[in-house]
Amino acid sequence: MQWSVRRKWWPFFGADDLFDLSFIGLLGLLLVLPLLVLWPFWLATKFLGARWRIIVERDHADASTELVRGWRRSQARINDLALEIAQGRHQYGRFVL
């Protein structure tokens, strides 16, 4: 069983989808461009105190999510969750990293 604990950087579709424009065509490109323009402002709000979504994945499927305000607090929570997983104390069962 494989576990992952991370911040979600982009709240919409996957970032790799942005660069694979062959699937969306010209209309899709016009829809994606405003998101690319707004992304730096969205990121700035994250560093100014907006909440980060922390995702816990088990075997590449979302097991849980949490919202944590601030970069340092979110990193501390990621570390806490990883420690819980490693020690088998996480609420999703006993497992080994």
PDB file of N, CA and C in Angstrom:
ATOM      1  N   MET A   1       0.836  -1.160   0.000  1.00  0.00           N
ATOM      2  CA  MET A   1       0.000   0.000   0.000  1.00  0.00           C
ATOM      3  C   MET A   1       0.894   1.240   0.000  1.00  0.00           C
ATOM      4  N   GLN A   2       0.605   2.179  -0.866  1.00  0.00           N
ATOM      5  CA  GLN A   2       1.410   3.391  -0.975  1.00  0.00           C
ATOM      6  C   GLN A   2       0.587   4.599  -0.524  1.00  0.00           C
ATOM      7  N   TRP A   3       1.203   5.432   0.334  1.00  0.00           N
ATOM      8  CA  TRP A   3       0.535   6.621   0.866  1.00  0.00           C
ATOM      9  C   TRP A   3       1.281   7.866   0.419  1.00  0.00           C
ATOM     10  N   SER A   4       0.535   8.942   0.283  1.00  0.00           N
ATOM     11  CA  SER A   4       1.109  10.235  -0.085  1.00  0.00           C
ATOM     12  C   SER A   4       0.373  11.323   0.682  1.00  0.00           C
ATOM     13  N   VAL A   5       1.120  12.287   1.215  1.00  0.00           N
ATOM     14  CA  VAL A   5       0.531  13.434   1.901  1.00  0.00           C
ATOM     15  C   VAL A   5       1.144  14.672   1.267  1.00  0.00           C
ATOM     16  N   ARG A   6       0.292  15.561   0.735  1.00  0.00           N
ATOM     17  CA  ARG A   6       0.818  16.726   0.019  1.00  0.00           C
ATOM     18  C   ARG A   6      -0.197  17.862   0.016  1.00  0.00           C
ATOM     19  N   ARG A   7       0.303  19.048  -0.352  1.00  0.00           N
ATOM     20  CA  ARG A   7      -0.567  20.191  -0.578  1.00  0.00           C
ATOM     21  C   ARG A   7      -1.106  20.122  -1.995  1.00  0.00           C
ATOM     22  N   LYS A   8      -2.295  20.614  -2.175  1.00  0.00           N
ATOM     23  CA  LYS A   8      -2.831  20.729  -3.528  1.00  0.00           C
ATOM     24  C   LYS A   8      -2.536  22.150  -3.999  1.00  0.00           C
ATOM     25  N   TRP A   9      -1.709  22.257  -5.043  1.00  0.00           N
ATOM     26  CA  TRP A   9      -1.266  23.560  -5.519  1.00  0.00           C
ATOM     27  C   TRP A   9      -2.267  24.222  -6.447  1.00  0.00           C
ATOM     28  N   TRP A  10      -2.986  23.471  -7.214  1.00  0.00           N
ATOM     29  CA  TRP A  10      -3.879  24.017  -8.231  1.00  0.00           C
ATOM     30  C   TRP A  10      -5.277  23.503  -7.962  1.00  0.00           C
ATOM     31  N   PRO A  11      -6.254  24.378  -7.724  1.00  0.00           N
ATOM     32  CA  PRO A  11      -7.568  23.919  -7.287  1.00  0.00           C
ATOM     33  C   PRO A  11      -8.451  23.359  -8.400  1.00  0.00           C
ATOM     34  N   PHE A  12      -8.028  23.444  -9.630  1.00  0.00           N
ATOM     35  CA  PHE A  12      -8.871  23.031 -10.741  1.00  0.00           C
ATOM     36  C   PHE A  12      -8.390  21.689 -11.274  1.00  0.00           C
ATOM     37  N   PHE A  13      -8.314  21.502 -12.554  1.00  0.00           N
ATOM     38  CA  PHE A  13      -7.836  20.260 -13.155  1.00  0.00           C
ATOM     39  C   PHE A  13      -6.329  20.156 -12.990  1.00  0.00           C
ATOM     40  N   GLY A  14      -5.757  19.021 -13.351  1.00  0.00           N
ATOM     41  CA  GLY A  14      -4.332  18.792 -13.168  1.00  0.00           C
ATOM     42  C   GLY A  14      -3.467  19.757 -13.961  1.00  0.00           C
ATOM     43  N   ALA A  15      -2.326  20.143 -13.392  1.00  0.00           N
ATOM     44  CA  ALA A  15      -1.426  21.088 -14.051  1.00  0.00           C
ATOM     45  C   ALA A  15      -0.885  20.519 -15.351  1.00  0.00           C
ATOM     46  N   ASP A  16      -0.713  19.211 -15.429  1.00  0.00           N
ATOM     47  CA  ASP A  16      -0.216  18.622 -16.666  1.00  0.00           C
ATOM     48  C   ASP A  16      -1.224  18.777 -17.804  1.00  0.00           C
ATOM     49  N   ASP A  17      -2.516  18.909 -17.459  1.00  0.00           N
ATOM     50  CA  ASP A  17      -3.531  19.133 -18.485  1.00  0.00           C
ATOM     51  C   ASP A  17      -3.359  20.489 -19.164  1.00  0.00           C
ATOM     52  N   LEU A  18      -2.797  21.467 -18.432  1.00  0.00           N
ATOM     53  CA  LEU A  18      -2.594  22.786 -19.019  1.00  0.00           C
ATOM     54  C   LEU A  18      -1.620  22.742 -20.189  1.00  0.00           C
ATOM     55  N   PHE A  19      -0.652  21.870 -20.101  1.00  0.00           N
ATOM     56  CA  PHE A  19       0.392  21.836 -21.117  1.00  0.00           C
ATOM     57  C   PHE A  19       0.092  20.864 -22.242  1.00  0.00           C
ATOM     58  N   ASP A  20      -0.910  20.051 -22.083  1.00  0.00           N
ATOM     59  CA  ASP A  20      -1.330  19.140 -23.139  1.00  0.00           C
ATOM     60  C   ASP A  20      -2.549  19.747 -23.827  1.00  0.00           C
ATOM     61  N   LEU A  21      -2.308  20.777 -24.612  1.00  0.00           N
ATOM     62  CA  LEU A  21      -3.392  21.536 -25.226  1.00  0.00           C
ATOM     63  C   LEU A  21      -4.015  20.823 -26.413  1.00  0.00           C
ATOM     64  N   SER A  22      -3.454  19.709 -26.823  1.00  0.00           N
ATOM     65  CA  SER A  22      -4.007  19.001 -27.975  1.00  0.00           C
ATOM     66  C   SER A  22      -5.409  18.465 -27.682  1.00  0.00           C
ATOM     67  N   PHE A  23      -5.720  18.236 -26.397  1.00  0.00           N
ATOM     68  CA  PHE A  23      -7.026  17.663 -26.074  1.00  0.00           C
ATOM     69  C   PHE A  23      -8.122  18.719 -25.989  1.00  0.00           C
ATOM     70  N   ILE A  24      -7.772  19.991 -25.913  1.00  0.00           N
ATOM     71  CA  ILE A  24      -8.804  20.991 -25.698  1.00  0.00           C
ATOM     72  C   ILE A  24      -9.070  21.882 -26.902  1.00  0.00           C
ATOM     73  N   GLY A  25      -8.138  22.008 -27.808  1.00  0.00           N
ATOM     74  CA  GLY A  25      -8.353  22.823 -28.997  1.00  0.00           C
ATOM     75  C   GLY A  25      -8.367  24.303 -28.694  1.00  0.00           C
ATOM     76  N   LEU A  26      -8.770  25.096 -29.663  1.00  0.00           N
ATOM     77  CA  LEU A  26      -8.744  26.555 -29.542  1.00  0.00           C
ATOM     78  C   LEU A  26      -9.750  27.064 -28.511  1.00  0.00           C
ATOM     79  N   LEU A  27     -10.937  26.513 -28.491  1.00  0.00           N
ATOM     80  CA  LEU A  27     -11.942  26.947 -27.515  1.00  0.00           C
ATOM     81  C   LEU A  27     -11.471  26.675 -26.087  1.00  0.00           C
ATOM     82  N   GLY A  28     -10.900  25.507 -25.887  1.00  0.00           N
ATOM     83  CA  GLY A  28     -10.378  25.172 -24.564  1.00  0.00           C
ATOM     84  C   GLY A  28      -9.232  26.083 -24.164  1.00  0.00           C
ATOM     85  N   LEU A  29      -8.397  26.444 -25.129  1.00  0.00           N
ATOM     86  CA  LEU A  29      -7.282  27.354 -24.857  1.00  0.00           C
ATOM     87  C   LEU A  29      -7.815  28.700 -24.384  1.00  0.00           C
ATOM     88  N   LEU A  30      -8.879  29.176 -25.007  1.00  0.00           N
ATOM     89  CA  LEU A  30      -9.483  30.442 -24.592  1.00  0.00           C
ATOM     90  C   LEU A  30     -10.065  30.352 -23.188  1.00  0.00           C
ATOM     91  N   LEU A  31     -10.524  29.178 -22.797  1.00  0.00           N
ATOM     92  CA  LEU A  31     -11.046  28.988 -21.448  1.00  0.00           C
ATOM     93  C   LEU A  31      -9.931  28.861 -20.407  1.00  0.00           C
ATOM     94  N   VAL A  32      -8.785  28.326 -20.821  1.00  0.00           N
ATOM     95  CA  VAL A  32      -7.669  28.096 -19.894  1.00  0.00           C
ATOM     96  C   VAL A  32      -6.869  29.369 -19.657  1.00  0.00           C
ATOM     97  N   LEU A  33      -6.780  30.244 -20.634  1.00  0.00           N
ATOM     98  CA  LEU A  33      -5.951  31.445 -20.501  1.00  0.00           C
ATOM     99  C   LEU A  33      -6.320  32.314 -19.298  1.00  0.00           C
ATOM    100  N   PRO A  34      -7.598  32.564 -19.014  1.00  0.00           N
ATOM    101  CA  PRO A  34      -7.896  33.352 -17.806  1.00  0.00           C
ATOM    102  C   PRO A  34      -7.396  32.688 -16.525  1.00  0.00           C
ATOM    103  N   LEU A  35      -7.443  31.367 -16.470  1.00  0.00           N
ATOM    104  CA  LEU A  35      -6.932  30.666 -15.286  1.00  0.00           C
ATOM    105  C   LEU A  35      -5.430  30.867 -15.148  1.00  0.00           C
ATOM    106  N   LEU A  36      -4.714  30.838 -16.259  1.00  0.00           N
ATOM    107  CA  LEU A  36      -3.269  31.045 -16.218  1.00  0.00           C
ATOM    108  C   LEU A  36      -2.923  32.467 -15.796  1.00  0.00           C
ATOM    109  N   VAL A  37      -3.748  33.422 -16.198  1.00  0.00           N
ATOM    110  CA  VAL A  37      -3.511  34.812 -15.810  1.00  0.00           C
ATOM    111  C   VAL A  37      -3.803  35.013 -14.323  1.00  0.00           C
ATOM    112  N   LEU A  38      -4.832  34.358 -13.797  1.00  0.00           N
ATOM    113  CA  LEU A  38      -5.214  34.521 -12.400  1.00  0.00           C
ATOM    114  C   LEU A  38      -4.369  33.706 -11.439  1.00  0.00           C
ATOM    115  N   TRP A  39      -3.664  32.700 -11.943  1.00  0.00           N
ATOM    116  CA  TRP A  39      -2.922  31.801 -11.072  1.00  0.00           C
ATOM    117  C   TRP A  39      -1.907  32.516 -10.168  1.00  0.00           C
ATOM    118  N   PRO A  40      -1.105  33.477 -10.663  1.00  0.00           N
ATOM    119  CA  PRO A  40      -0.152  34.141  -9.747  1.00  0.00           C
ATOM    120  C   PRO A  40      -0.841  34.861  -8.585  1.00  0.00           C
ATOM    121  N   PHE A  41      -2.015  35.444  -8.844  1.00  0.00           N
ATOM    122  CA  PHE A  41      -2.748  36.119  -7.781  1.00  0.00           C
ATOM    123  C   PHE A  41      -3.301  35.111  -6.779  1.00  0.00           C
ATOM    124  N   TRP A  42      -3.760  33.976  -7.289  1.00  0.00           N
ATOM    125  CA  TRP A  42      -4.248  32.916  -6.413  1.00  0.00           C
ATOM    126  C   TRP A  42      -3.115  32.421  -5.514  1.00  0.00           C
ATOM    127  N   LEU A  43      -1.934  32.238  -6.111  1.00  0.00           N
ATOM    128  CA  LEU A  43      -0.778  31.771  -5.344  1.00  0.00           C
ATOM    129  C   LEU A  43      -0.379  32.796  -4.289  1.00  0.00           C
ATOM    130  N   ALA A  44      -0.432  34.087  -4.635  1.00  0.00           N
ATOM    131  CA  ALA A  44      -0.087  35.133  -3.670  1.00  0.00           C
ATOM    132  C   ALA A  44      -1.033  35.085  -2.465  1.00  0.00           C
ATOM    133  N   THR A  45      -2.317  34.822  -2.698  1.00  0.00           N
ATOM    134  CA  THR A  45      -3.246  34.731  -1.567  1.00  0.00           C
ATOM    135  C   THR A  45      -2.895  33.565  -0.656  1.00  0.00           C
ATOM    136  N   LYS A  46      -2.379  32.497  -1.233  1.00  0.00           N
ATOM    137  CA  LYS A  46      -1.987  31.344  -0.417  1.00  0.00           C
ATOM    138  C   LYS A  46      -0.870  31.726   0.552  1.00  0.00           C
ATOM    139  N   PHE A  47       0.101  32.503   0.063  1.00  0.00           N
ATOM    140  CA  PHE A  47       1.217  32.880   0.919  1.00  0.00           C
ATOM    141  C   PHE A  47       0.856  34.012   1.876  1.00  0.00           C
ATOM    142  N   LEU A  48      -0.280  34.658   1.639  1.00  0.00           N
ATOM    143  CA  LEU A  48      -0.747  35.709   2.542  1.00  0.00           C
ATOM    144  C   LEU A  48      -1.735  35.189   3.580  1.00  0.00           C
ATOM    145  N   GLY A  49      -1.957  33.885   3.617  1.00  0.00           N
ATOM    146  CA  GLY A  49      -2.758  33.323   4.690  1.00  0.00           C
ATOM    147  C   GLY A  49      -3.986  32.540   4.275  1.00  0.00           C
ATOM    148  N   ALA A  50      -4.248  32.398   3.000  1.00  0.00           N
ATOM    149  CA  ALA A  50      -5.391  31.582   2.582  1.00  0.00           C
ATOM    150  C   ALA A  50      -5.128  30.121   2.951  1.00  0.00           C
ATOM    151  N   ARG A  51      -6.189  29.338   3.006  1.00  0.00           N
ATOM    152  CA  ARG A  51      -6.042  27.941   3.424  1.00  0.00           C
ATOM    153  C   ARG A  51      -5.498  27.060   2.300  1.00  0.00           C
ATOM    154  N   TRP A  52      -4.621  26.146   2.683  1.00  0.00           N
ATOM    155  CA  TRP A  52      -4.078  25.136   1.773  1.00  0.00           C
ATOM    156  C   TRP A  52      -4.884  23.867   1.954  1.00  0.00           C
ATOM    157  N   ARG A  53      -5.150  23.188   0.862  1.00  0.00           N
ATOM    158  CA  ARG A  53      -5.824  21.889   0.921  1.00  0.00           C
ATOM    159  C   ARG A  53      -4.741  20.822   0.995  1.00  0.00           C
ATOM    160  N   ILE A  54      -4.762  20.045   2.065  1.00  0.00           N
ATOM    161  CA  ILE A  54      -3.817  18.939   2.237  1.00  0.00           C
ATOM    162  C   ILE A  54      -4.548  17.663   1.860  1.00  0.00           C
ATOM    163  N   ILE A  55      -3.924  16.901   0.988  1.00  0.00           N
ATOM    164  CA  ILE A  55      -4.541  15.687   0.466  1.00  0.00           C
ATOM    165  C   ILE A  55      -3.758  14.479   0.954  1.00  0.00           C
ATOM    166  N   VAL A  56      -4.454  13.518   1.513  1.00  0.00           N
ATOM    167  CA  VAL A  56      -3.871  12.230   1.892  1.00  0.00           C
ATOM    168  C   VAL A  56      -4.377  11.225   0.863  1.00  0.00           C
ATOM    169  N   GLU A  57      -3.442  10.595   0.162  1.00  0.00           N
ATOM    170  CA  GLU A  57      -3.807   9.608  -0.860  1.00  0.00           C
ATOM    171  C   GLU A  57      -3.319   8.232  -0.440  1.00  0.00           C
ATOM    172  N   ARG A  58      -4.150   7.234  -0.715  1.00  0.00           N
ATOM    173  CA  ARG A  58      -3.769   5.838  -0.496  1.00  0.00           C
ATOM    174  C   ARG A  58      -3.920   5.125  -1.817  1.00  0.00           C
ATOM    175  N   ASP A  59      -2.820   4.579  -2.320  1.00  0.00           N
ATOM    176  CA  ASP A  59      -2.788   3.904  -3.622  1.00  0.00           C
ATOM    177  C   ASP A  59      -3.384   4.790  -4.716  1.00  0.00           C
ATOM    178  N   HIS A  60      -2.953   6.054  -4.739  1.00  0.00           N
ATOM    179  CA  HIS A  60      -3.325   7.044  -5.762  1.00  0.00           C
ATOM    180  C   HIS A  60      -4.806   7.402  -5.753  1.00  0.00           C
ATOM    181  N   ALA A  61      -5.493   7.166  -4.655  1.00  0.00           N
ATOM    182  CA  ALA A  61      -6.890   7.565  -4.490  1.00  0.00           C
ATOM    183  C   ALA A  61      -6.990   8.422  -3.232  1.00  0.00           C
ATOM    184  N   ASP A  62      -7.766   9.490  -3.298  1.00  0.00           N
ATOM    185  CA  ASP A  62      -7.904  10.378  -2.148  1.00  0.00           C
ATOM    186  C   ASP A  62      -8.499   9.631  -0.963  1.00  0.00           C
ATOM    187  N   ALA A  63      -7.792   9.683   0.168  1.00  0.00           N
ATOM    188  CA  ALA A  63      -8.282   9.070   1.396  1.00  0.00           C
ATOM    189  C   ALA A  63      -8.922  10.130   2.284  1.00  0.00           C
ATOM    190  N   SER A  64      -8.339  11.331   2.303  1.00  0.00           N
ATOM    191  CA  SER A  64      -8.924  12.423   3.067  1.00  0.00           C
ATOM    192  C   SER A  64      -8.318  13.741   2.612  1.00  0.00           C
ATOM    193  N   THR A  65      -8.986  14.830   2.970  1.00  0.00           N
ATOM    194  CA  THR A  65      -8.471  16.172   2.714  1.00  0.00           C
ATOM    195  C   THR A  65      -8.701  17.021   3.950  1.00  0.00           C
ATOM    196  N   GLU A  66      -7.835  17.993   4.138  1.00  0.00           N
ATOM    197  CA  GLU A  66      -7.956  18.934   5.246  1.00  0.00           C
ATOM    198  C   GLU A  66      -7.598  20.315   4.730  1.00  0.00           C
ATOM    199  N   LEU A  67      -8.197  21.339   5.324  1.00  0.00           N
ATOM    200  CA  LEU A  67      -7.849  22.714   5.024  1.00  0.00           C
ATOM    201  C   LEU A  67      -7.062  23.277   6.194  1.00  0.00           C
ATOM    202  N   VAL A  68      -5.883  23.847   5.896  1.00  0.00           N
ATOM    203  CA  VAL A  68      -5.018  24.399   6.937  1.00  0.00           C
ATOM    204  C   VAL A  68      -4.559  25.777   6.486  1.00  0.00           C
ATOM    205  N   ARG A  69      -4.688  26.762   7.351  1.00  0.00           N
ATOM    206  CA  ARG A  69      -4.317  28.129   7.019  1.00  0.00           C
ATOM    207  C   ARG A  69      -2.822  28.349   7.225  1.00  0.00           C
ATOM    208  N   GLY A  70      -2.142  28.867   6.198  1.00  0.00           N
ATOM    209  CA  GLY A  70      -0.735  29.234   6.299  1.00  0.00           C
ATOM    210  C   GLY A  70       0.213  28.142   5.824  1.00  0.00           C
ATOM    211  N   TRP A  71       1.332  28.594   5.250  1.00  0.00           N
ATOM    212  CA  TRP A  71       2.334  27.685   4.695  1.00  0.00           C
ATOM    213  C   TRP A  71       2.983  26.840   5.787  1.00  0.00           C
ATOM    214  N   ARG A  72       3.435  27.483   6.873  1.00  0.00           N
ATOM    215  CA  ARG A  72       4.126  26.749   7.945  1.00  0.00           C
ATOM    216  C   ARG A  72       3.202  25.776   8.657  1.00  0.00           C
ATOM    217  N   ARG A  73       1.990  26.217   8.936  1.00  0.00           N
ATOM    218  CA  ARG A  73       1.036  25.317   9.591  1.00  0.00           C
ATOM    219  C   ARG A  73       0.685  24.128   8.705  1.00  0.00           C
ATOM    220  N   SER A  74       0.556  24.383   7.408  1.00  0.00           N
ATOM    221  CA  SER A  74       0.240  23.273   6.510  1.00  0.00           C
ATOM    222  C   SER A  74       1.408  22.292   6.435  1.00  0.00           C
ATOM    223  N   GLN A  75       2.643  22.813   6.443  1.00  0.00           N
ATOM    224  CA  GLN A  75       3.803  21.913   6.436  1.00  0.00           C
ATOM    225  C   GLN A  75       3.865  21.108   7.727  1.00  0.00           C
ATOM    226  N   ALA A  76       3.560  21.756   8.857  1.00  0.00           N
ATOM    227  CA  ALA A  76       3.558  21.041  10.133  1.00  0.00           C
ATOM    228  C   ALA A  76       2.478  19.957  10.135  1.00  0.00           C
ATOM    229  N   ARG A  77       1.318  20.260   9.563  1.00  0.00           N
ATOM    230  CA  ARG A  77       0.236  19.262   9.521  1.00  0.00           C
ATOM    231  C   ARG A  77       0.607  18.108   8.601  1.00  0.00           C
ATOM    232  N   ILE A  78       1.271  18.401   7.475  1.00  0.00           N
ATOM    233  CA  ILE A  78       1.737  17.341   6.579  1.00  0.00           C
ATOM    234  C   ILE A  78       2.694  16.419   7.324  1.00  0.00           C
ATOM    235  N   ASN A  79       3.615  17.017   8.081  1.00  0.00           N
ATOM    236  CA  ASN A  79       4.567  16.217   8.858  1.00  0.00           C
ATOM    237  C   ASN A  79       3.850  15.370   9.906  1.00  0.00           C
ATOM    238  N   ASP A  80       2.844  15.962  10.577  1.00  0.00           N
ATOM    239  CA  ASP A  80       2.076  15.209  11.577  1.00  0.00           C
ATOM    240  C   ASP A  80       1.336  14.029  10.948  1.00  0.00           C
ATOM    241  N   LEU A  81       0.706  14.285   9.806  1.00  0.00           N
ATOM    242  CA  LEU A  81      -0.022  13.201   9.125  1.00  0.00           C
ATOM    243  C   LEU A  81       0.920  12.091   8.674  1.00  0.00           C
ATOM    244  N   ALA A  82       2.081  12.466   8.141  1.00  0.00           N
ATOM    245  CA  ALA A  82       3.052  11.458   7.710  1.00  0.00           C
ATOM    246  C   ALA A  82       3.531  10.625   8.899  1.00  0.00           C
ATOM    247  N   LEU A  83       3.732  11.284  10.035  1.00  0.00           N
ATOM    248  CA  LEU A  83       4.150  10.556  11.238  1.00  0.00           C
ATOM    249  C   LEU A  83       3.048   9.608  11.711  1.00  0.00           C
ATOM    250  N   GLU A  84       1.795  10.072  11.691  1.00  0.00           N
ATOM    251  CA  GLU A  84       0.677   9.202  12.064  1.00  0.00           C
ATOM    252  C   GLU A  84       0.600   7.981  11.162  1.00  0.00           C
ATOM    253  N   ILE A  85       0.792   8.201   9.873  1.00  0.00           N
ATOM    254  CA  ILE A  85       0.750   7.091   8.918  1.00  0.00           C
ATOM    255  C   ILE A  85       1.885   6.117   9.213  1.00  0.00           C
ATOM    256  N   ALA A  86       3.086   6.648   9.414  1.00  0.00           N
ATOM    257  CA  ALA A  86       4.245   5.789   9.672  1.00  0.00           C
ATOM    258  C   ALA A  86       4.085   4.988  10.960  1.00  0.00           C
ATOM    259  N   GLN A  87       3.423   5.558  11.949  1.00  0.00           N
ATOM    260  CA  GLN A  87       3.234   4.876  13.223  1.00  0.00           C
ATOM    261  C   GLN A  87       1.957   4.042  13.268  1.00  0.00           C
ATOM    262  N   GLY A  88       1.172   4.090  12.199  1.00  0.00           N
ATOM    263  CA  GLY A  88      -0.051   3.298  12.162  1.00  0.00           C
ATOM    264  C   GLY A  88      -1.185   3.881  12.971  1.00  0.00           C
ATOM    265  N   ARG A  89      -1.120   5.177  13.290  1.00  0.00           N
ATOM    266  CA  ARG A  89      -2.158   5.802  14.107  1.00  0.00           C
ATOM    267  C   ARG A  89      -3.170   6.579  13.274  1.00  0.00           C
ATOM    268  N   HIS A  90      -3.026   6.581  11.977  1.00  0.00           N
ATOM    269  CA  HIS A  90      -3.949   7.337  11.131  1.00  0.00           C
ATOM    270  C   HIS A  90      -5.307   6.652  11.119  1.00  0.00           C
ATOM    271  N   GLN A  91      -6.377   7.417  10.982  1.00  0.00           N
ATOM    272  CA  GLN A  91      -7.732   6.883  11.113  1.00  0.00           C
ATOM    273  C   GLN A  91      -8.148   5.941   9.995  1.00  0.00           C
ATOM    274  N   TYR A  92      -7.321   5.762   8.982  1.00  0.00           N
ATOM    275  CA  TYR A  92      -7.688   4.908   7.857  1.00  0.00           C
ATOM    276  C   TYR A  92      -7.109   3.507   7.965  1.00  0.00           C
ATOM    277  N   GLY A  93      -6.713   3.099   9.146  1.00  0.00           N
ATOM    278  CA  GLY A  93      -6.262   1.735   9.335  1.00  0.00           C
ATOM    279  C   GLY A  93      -4.778   1.646   9.618  1.00  0.00           C
ATOM    280  N   ARG A  94      -4.324   0.447   9.842  1.00  0.00           N
ATOM    281  CA  ARG A  94      -2.892   0.221  10.125  1.00  0.00           C
ATOM    282  C   ARG A  94      -2.180  -0.079   8.827  1.00  0.00           C
ATOM    283  N   PHE A  95      -1.035   0.547   8.652  1.00  0.00           N
ATOM    284  CA  PHE A  95      -0.302   0.390   7.398  1.00  0.00           C
ATOM    285  C   PHE A  95       1.144   0.777   7.633  1.00  0.00           C
ATOM    286  N   VAL A  96       1.955   0.510   6.654  1.00  0.00           N
ATOM    287  CA  VAL A  96       3.379   0.815   6.732  1.00  0.00           C
ATOM    288  C   VAL A  96       3.747   1.658   5.531  1.00  0.00           C
ATOM    289  N   LEU A  97       4.524   2.701   5.767  1.00  0.00           N
ATOM    290  CA  LEU A  97       5.013   3.530   4.652  1.00  0.00           C
ATOM    291  C   LEU A  97       6.059   2.783   3.855  1.00  0.00           C
TER     292      LEU A  97
END
